[in-house]
Structure formats: C-alpha cells, structure tokens
Amino acid sequence: MELRHLRYFVAVAQELHFGRAAVRLNISQPPLTQQIHNLEEELGVILFDRSNRKVSLTTEGEIFLKRAESILHQVEKATTEVRKSALGEMDTLVIGYMGSTILREIIANVRRFREDYPMVKLDFVIMRSDEQYEALLDGKIDAGFVDLSVQPMSDRFASHHVEFDLVVHEKLCVAMQPNHPLSARESIDIADLKNENFVTLQRHLFPSNYDKVVSQCEQAGFSPNIVAMSEQTDVLLAYVATGVGIALVPSCTQNSWANEVAFVPLSQTAYVDVHLISSADNQSKSLQALRRYFS
C-alpha cells in the first residue's frame, strides 16, 4: 500500500463519485477504479458499495476513511515542518535579556517575528550584559539584548566576531515625584539636579545606563549623590514615587507610571542604547531572520 492509494481512496470517499474524484486527482477514471479495486483486494474488504449506480461507503470504508484522513494529515504536517526547517522557519533560539530592557520596541519586533515564524521557539533567559557576552561565546545563548555597546570586554571576547544591531535608542528623561518643585517645568537642565538624591540601576547589571547617568552629571560639573540602586526599572520608579530620590530613565518607561511619577524631558540630549548581539559564526536561518527584524 502506498500513500497514493490512500489519496485515491479519500478522494472517492469524499466525492462519492469516481468521475469527480478522477477530475480532482487529475487522472483518468479507469486507472482510479483499478487502484481502488487493488486496495480492496489488499485489505480483503469492500470499501465502497457500488449498487444502484450510486457510490457509498461500507462500514469498513467509513472506518478506513477516518484512519486514512488522519494519516494523510500527519504526512502533510510532517512535509510542511520539514520544508519550514529547511527554510529556517522551525528552530529554537535561546535569547538573553536584561530584566528592564525588553522595551516596547523590542516587544513589538519579537511579536512580529513570532507571527511570521510561528514554528520557531523562543526561549528567553534573564542575565546581565556581561553574562550574555560570555554565554554567547560559550554557545549557551544564540542572541542577547544588552545595554553595552559592542566592545572588547576581555581578551577572549576580543578574539571573536560578534554581530550587533542597535535596537533601542531611547532619550533619557528625569523621573520625580509629581509634587517636586521641578516637575512643572517643560524641561530640566542636568545642572539643576546637583543637589538632588539620585536612584539608579545597579552598574554591574546595567553598566551603560549607570555610566550615562554619571557622565551626564559630571559634564554638568557635579557627581550624583546616589542613595539607592535597583535591579529593575519598576523598582527604581517605586523609589522615585516614594520620594527616595530622582532618576534618569528611558522616556518609554513613563507609560506605566504616569499617575505616580512625573517625567520631565532633559534639556540635554542623552540616550540609552540597547543592542542585539549574536555570533557571526552562527549562521542559523532563524537567527538571521530574527536579526532582520532589528536591523
């Protein structure tokens, strides 16, 4: 028994007419009739009742139809999956990320990728930026979202070629309590924050973000008085909302805290960047497809 026998049988069973089934299969009727006869002989049962010039399924035919349709469906599914795999549309990608860096831009692109490549499984692993670089070189992740510009972090890292795509280039703004004296301003000069208490993200987790805050203050002629640090942006903004201090945060964070925190643009132009990193040695079609959504 071959798959074509099942296809022939299912066509006749669904059409209940040998002539229409032959047209559907794009073959002539006599060979189709002969193939069905051969199938019945092989099975040792009659699948169709051909009496009174009508074609109908026998009890055995009805049982066989259910199984035959199931088999053909599984074959079609397997064929589709194999073809998708060959095109890089079925795979598993392990992606590192920092807890607070999956911003709107990243989420939207990941969602579009998943819609276009539903057979690709995405596994997200939370880790620091430097951990992501090391995990990438060790093959533990396929890509990562980091807040560090690609740079030699060690001799080992310097000897490898890492691809990177800038995926977030977000302006920094000042987050403060709504009743803060500076909250009504249209913009704030960084120098006006000299006497403020600052809360920041922890440097070992978000070095680029932390360094950006410090460098902006130092350029204005002072060192920020950092009184608290956090591992997550939401916790950082909770500190701000409770009056622990002010913070410089990406502008996109204000959407979820608009009622508890006032966000005022900086007079200076300052950005926080997030890159998608991947190994140049990894030529996975799924990975290359993912990169296209962020390039």
Protein backbone atom coordinates (compact mmCIF):
# COMPACT_ATOMS: atom_id res chain seq x y z
CA MET A 1 0.00 0.00 0.00
CA GLU A 2 1.30 3.43 -0.97
CA LEU A 3 0.26 6.93 0.02
CA ARG A 4 -1.27 7.47 -3.40
CA HIS A 5 -3.69 4.64 -2.66
CA LEU A 6 -4.83 6.49 0.44
CA ARG A 7 -5.18 9.72 -1.50
CA TYR A 8 -7.22 7.98 -4.21
CA PHE A 9 -9.45 6.33 -1.62
CA VAL A 10 -10.04 9.56 0.32
CA ALA A 11 -10.89 11.46 -2.87
CA VAL A 12 -13.51 8.89 -3.88
CA ALA A 13 -14.84 8.66 -0.33
CA GLN A 14 -15.26 12.42 -0.11
CA GLU A 15 -16.74 12.83 -3.59
CA LEU A 16 -18.72 9.54 -3.60
CA HIS A 17 -18.29 9.66 -7.34
CA PHE A 18 -15.43 8.07 -9.31
CA GLY A 19 -15.66 10.58 -12.16
CA ARG A 20 -15.45 13.67 -9.92
CA ALA A 21 -12.70 12.09 -7.87
CA ALA A 22 -10.69 11.39 -11.03
CA VAL A 23 -11.00 15.02 -12.09
CA ARG A 24 -9.96 16.17 -8.62
CA LEU A 25 -6.90 13.89 -8.75
CA ASN A 26 -6.12 14.87 -12.34
CA ILE A 27 -6.14 11.28 -13.57
CA SER A 28 -8.49 9.31 -15.79
CA GLN A 29 -11.28 7.27 -14.25
CA PRO A 30 -10.27 3.70 -15.31
CA PRO A 31 -6.88 3.77 -13.51
CA LEU A 32 -8.57 5.23 -10.43
CA THR A 33 -11.18 2.47 -10.43
CA GLN A 34 -8.43 -0.13 -10.79
CA GLN A 35 -6.37 1.34 -7.94
CA ILE A 36 -9.37 1.27 -5.60
CA HIS A 37 -10.04 -2.34 -6.62
CA ASN A 38 -6.39 -3.23 -5.89
CA LEU A 39 -6.64 -1.53 -2.48
CA GLU A 40 -9.76 -3.50 -1.60
CA GLU A 41 -8.05 -6.74 -2.62
CA GLU A 42 -5.01 -5.90 -0.48
CA LEU A 43 -7.19 -5.11 2.54
CA GLY A 44 -9.52 -8.03 1.93
CA VAL A 45 -12.62 -5.88 2.40
CA ILE A 46 -15.09 -3.95 0.24
CA LEU A 47 -14.72 -0.23 0.85
CA PHE A 48 -17.44 1.07 -1.45
CA ASP A 49 -20.96 -0.10 -2.20
CA ARG A 50 -21.45 0.47 -5.93
CA SER A 51 -25.02 -0.78 -6.21
CA ASN A 52 -27.86 1.12 -7.87
CA ARG A 53 -25.39 3.34 -9.76
CA LYS A 54 -24.53 5.09 -6.52
CA VAL A 55 -21.28 5.04 -4.60
CA SER A 56 -21.39 4.87 -0.82
CA LEU A 57 -19.01 3.80 1.89
CA THR A 58 -19.39 0.46 3.55
CA THR A 59 -18.97 0.18 7.30
CA GLU A 60 -15.38 -0.91 6.72
CA GLY A 61 -14.92 2.03 4.33
CA GLU A 62 -16.09 4.52 6.96
CA ILE A 63 -13.63 3.10 9.48
CA PHE A 64 -10.80 3.17 6.95
CA LEU A 65 -11.63 6.76 5.89
CA LYS A 66 -11.05 8.12 9.39
CA ARG A 67 -7.63 6.49 9.59
CA ALA A 68 -6.66 7.39 6.05
CA GLU A 69 -7.53 11.06 6.55
CA SER A 70 -5.54 11.10 9.78
CA ILE A 71 -2.51 9.53 8.10
CA LEU A 72 -2.60 11.98 5.18
CA HIS A 73 -2.95 14.88 7.59
CA GLN A 74 0.13 13.73 9.53
CA VAL A 75 2.09 13.29 6.31
CA GLU A 76 1.13 16.80 5.20
CA LYS A 77 2.10 18.20 8.59
CA ALA A 78 5.46 16.41 8.52
CA THR A 79 6.13 17.65 5.00
CA THR A 80 5.33 21.23 5.99
CA GLU A 81 7.58 21.04 9.06
CA VAL A 82 10.49 19.63 7.06
CA ARG A 83 10.17 22.37 4.46
CA LYS A 84 9.94 25.04 7.15
CA SER A 85 13.01 23.60 8.86
CA ALA A 86 14.93 23.77 5.57
CA LEU A 87 13.95 27.43 5.31
CA GLY A 88 14.97 28.11 8.91
CA GLU A 89 11.37 28.56 9.98
CA MET A 90 11.42 25.82 12.64
CA ASP A 91 14.08 26.05 15.28
CA THR A 92 14.75 27.04 18.89
CA LEU A 93 16.51 30.30 19.68
CA VAL A 94 17.78 30.99 23.20
CA ILE A 95 17.87 34.74 23.83
CA GLY A 96 19.40 36.56 26.77
CA TYR A 97 17.92 39.78 28.09
CA MET A 98 18.18 42.17 31.00
CA GLY A 99 15.03 42.42 33.08
CA SER A 100 14.20 46.02 32.27
CA THR A 101 15.38 46.22 28.68
CA ILE A 102 12.54 44.44 26.92
CA LEU A 103 11.04 47.76 25.96
CA ARG A 104 8.16 48.47 23.59
CA GLU A 105 10.39 48.46 20.51
CA ILE A 106 11.78 45.04 21.34
CA ILE A 107 8.41 43.53 22.25
CA ALA A 108 6.79 44.74 19.03
CA ASN A 109 9.55 43.27 16.85
CA VAL A 110 9.57 39.97 18.72
CA ARG A 111 5.79 39.75 18.30
CA ARG A 112 6.08 40.31 14.54
CA PHE A 113 8.82 37.68 14.29
CA ARG A 114 6.67 35.14 16.14
CA GLU A 115 3.73 35.87 13.84
CA ASP A 116 5.87 35.33 10.73
CA TYR A 117 7.82 32.36 12.12
CA PRO A 118 5.39 30.50 14.39
CA MET A 119 7.45 27.29 14.19
CA VAL A 120 10.47 28.94 15.83
CA LYS A 121 10.51 28.53 19.61
CA LEU A 122 11.97 31.44 21.56
CA ASP A 123 13.45 30.73 24.99
CA PHE A 124 14.30 33.88 26.99
CA VAL A 125 16.91 33.80 29.73
CA ILE A 126 17.44 36.75 32.06
CA MET A 127 21.09 37.66 32.69
CA ARG A 128 23.45 40.61 32.99
CA SER A 129 25.03 42.19 29.91
CA ASP A 130 28.49 40.80 30.61
CA GLU A 131 27.00 37.36 31.29
CA GLN A 132 25.27 37.50 27.93
CA TYR A 133 28.55 38.13 26.12
CA GLU A 134 30.16 35.15 27.82
CA ALA A 135 27.08 32.95 27.25
CA LEU A 136 27.13 33.92 23.57
CA LEU A 137 30.76 32.84 23.19
CA ASP A 138 30.04 29.62 25.09
CA GLY A 139 27.10 28.82 22.82
CA LYS A 140 24.61 28.93 25.70
CA ILE A 141 22.53 31.63 24.00
CA ASP A 142 22.01 32.45 20.34
CA ALA A 143 21.48 36.17 20.84
CA GLY A 144 21.16 38.72 23.60
CA PHE A 145 19.81 42.17 24.35
CA VAL A 146 22.46 44.20 26.14
CA ASP A 147 22.87 47.82 27.17
CA LEU A 148 26.58 47.80 26.32
CA SER A 149 27.99 48.92 23.03
CA VAL A 150 29.91 46.05 21.48
CA GLN A 151 33.42 46.39 22.81
CA PRO A 152 36.26 44.10 23.95
CA MET A 153 35.30 43.10 27.47
CA SER A 154 38.18 40.64 27.76
CA ASP A 155 40.97 39.14 25.67
CA ARG A 156 38.73 36.17 25.00
CA PHE A 157 35.94 38.39 23.76
CA ALA A 158 38.29 40.42 21.56
CA SER A 159 39.20 37.31 19.57
CA HIS A 160 35.62 36.67 18.48
CA HIS A 161 33.47 38.37 15.90
CA VAL A 162 30.16 39.47 17.40
CA GLU A 163 27.43 40.97 15.25
CA PHE A 164 25.35 43.72 16.80
CA ASP A 165 22.26 45.71 15.92
CA LEU A 166 21.11 48.84 17.70
CA VAL A 167 17.51 48.08 18.68
CA VAL A 168 16.73 50.82 21.22
CA HIS A 169 17.95 54.41 21.11
CA GLU A 170 15.79 55.97 23.79
CA LYS A 171 16.04 59.50 25.19
CA LEU A 172 16.61 59.88 28.91
CA CYS A 173 14.24 61.98 30.95
CA VAL A 174 14.01 62.93 34.62
CA ALA A 175 11.65 60.93 36.83
CA MET A 176 10.49 62.59 40.06
CA GLN A 177 7.53 62.86 42.39
CA PRO A 178 4.58 64.82 40.90
CA ASN A 179 4.83 67.40 43.71
CA HIS A 180 8.56 68.02 43.16
CA PRO A 181 9.33 71.74 42.59
CA LEU A 182 10.88 70.96 39.19
CA SER A 183 8.06 68.72 37.95
CA ALA A 184 6.11 71.58 36.33
CA ARG A 185 8.96 72.56 34.03
CA GLU A 186 8.85 71.83 30.31
CA SER A 187 12.46 70.65 30.51
CA ILE A 188 15.20 70.35 33.11
CA ASP A 189 18.87 71.16 32.79
CA ILE A 190 21.03 68.46 34.31
CA ALA A 191 22.84 71.12 36.38
CA ASP A 192 19.58 71.84 38.21
CA LEU A 193 19.79 68.34 39.73
CA LYS A 194 23.07 68.97 41.54
CA ASN A 195 21.51 68.93 45.00
CA GLU A 196 19.15 66.03 44.36
CA ASN A 197 19.38 62.49 45.64
CA PHE A 198 19.65 60.00 42.79
CA VAL A 199 18.44 56.43 42.45
CA THR A 200 19.94 54.34 39.65
CA LEU A 201 20.02 50.87 38.18
CA GLN A 202 22.85 48.74 39.51
CA ARG A 203 26.01 49.20 37.48
CA HIS A 204 27.00 45.51 37.35
CA LEU A 205 23.62 44.80 35.73
CA PHE A 206 23.24 47.90 33.57
CA PRO A 207 26.69 49.45 33.18
CA SER A 208 25.88 51.60 30.16
CA ASN A 209 22.79 53.08 31.79
CA TYR A 210 24.59 53.76 35.06
CA ASP A 211 27.61 55.29 33.31
CA LYS A 212 25.33 57.51 31.23
CA VAL A 213 23.75 58.98 34.35
CA VAL A 214 27.13 59.61 36.00
CA SER A 215 28.69 61.08 32.85
CA GLN A 216 25.78 63.48 32.32
CA CYS A 217 26.14 64.78 35.86
CA GLU A 218 29.91 65.06 35.65
CA GLN A 219 29.64 67.02 32.42
CA ALA A 220 27.42 69.44 34.34
CA GLY A 221 30.14 69.80 36.98
CA PHE A 222 28.99 67.53 39.81
CA SER A 223 28.91 63.91 40.92
CA PRO A 224 25.42 62.50 41.56
CA ASN A 225 24.54 61.66 45.15
CA ILE A 226 23.34 58.10 44.61
CA VAL A 227 21.34 56.95 47.62
CA ALA A 228 19.78 53.74 46.27
CA MET A 229 20.17 51.25 43.43
CA SER A 230 17.84 48.72 41.90
CA GLU A 231 17.94 45.67 39.64
CA GLN A 232 14.69 46.60 37.86
CA THR A 233 13.26 49.77 36.36
CA ASP A 234 9.91 49.24 38.10
CA VAL A 235 11.61 49.11 41.50
CA LEU A 236 13.64 52.18 40.57
CA LEU A 237 10.46 54.10 39.77
CA ALA A 238 8.91 52.88 43.02
CA TYR A 239 11.84 54.53 44.81
CA VAL A 240 11.09 57.72 42.88
CA ALA A 241 7.36 57.56 43.66
CA THR A 242 8.04 57.21 47.39
CA GLY A 243 10.45 60.15 47.43
CA VAL A 244 13.74 58.32 47.87
CA GLY A 245 15.26 60.28 45.00
CA ILE A 246 15.04 61.28 41.34
CA ALA A 247 16.20 59.14 38.41
CA LEU A 248 17.25 59.45 34.79
CA VAL A 249 15.27 56.83 32.88
CA PRO A 250 14.36 56.00 29.27
CA SER A 251 11.35 58.02 28.11
CA CYS A 252 9.37 54.90 27.26
CA THR A 253 9.09 53.94 30.94
CA GLN A 254 6.63 56.73 31.68
CA ASN A 255 3.64 54.93 30.15
CA SER A 256 3.14 52.57 33.10
CA TRP A 257 3.95 55.07 35.87
CA ALA A 258 2.26 58.26 34.63
CA ASN A 259 -0.01 58.55 37.69
CA GLU A 260 2.66 58.03 40.35
CA VAL A 261 5.72 59.69 38.79
CA ALA A 262 6.31 62.91 36.87
CA PHE A 263 8.53 62.63 33.80
CA VAL A 264 10.25 65.77 32.52
CA PRO A 265 12.49 65.92 29.42
CA LEU A 266 16.16 66.79 29.84
CA SER A 267 17.43 69.97 28.22
CA GLN A 268 20.50 67.98 27.19
CA THR A 269 20.15 65.23 24.63
CA ALA A 270 21.10 61.93 26.23
CA TYR A 271 20.20 58.44 25.12
CA VAL A 272 20.34 54.92 26.49
CA ASP A 273 21.10 52.23 23.92
CA VAL A 274 20.25 48.54 23.75
CA HIS A 275 21.93 46.24 21.22
CA LEU A 276 21.02 42.82 19.91
CA ILE A 277 24.21 40.75 19.88
CA SER A 278 24.82 37.48 18.06
CA SER A 279 27.80 35.44 16.96
CA ALA A 280 28.99 35.84 13.38
CA ASP A 281 29.73 32.11 13.40
CA ASN A 282 26.07 31.26 13.97
CA GLN A 283 24.51 31.08 10.51
CA SER A 284 21.16 29.72 11.72
CA LYS A 285 18.46 30.83 9.31
CA SER A 286 16.14 31.51 12.23
CA LEU A 287 18.72 33.76 13.88
CA GLN A 288 19.38 35.64 10.66
CA ALA A 289 15.63 36.11 10.25
CA LEU A 290 15.37 37.46 13.81
CA ARG A 291 18.19 39.93 13.19
CA ARG A 292 16.35 41.33 10.15
CA TYR A 293 13.57 42.48 12.45
CA PHE A 294 16.04 44.62 14.41
CA SER A 295 18.41 45.81 11.71
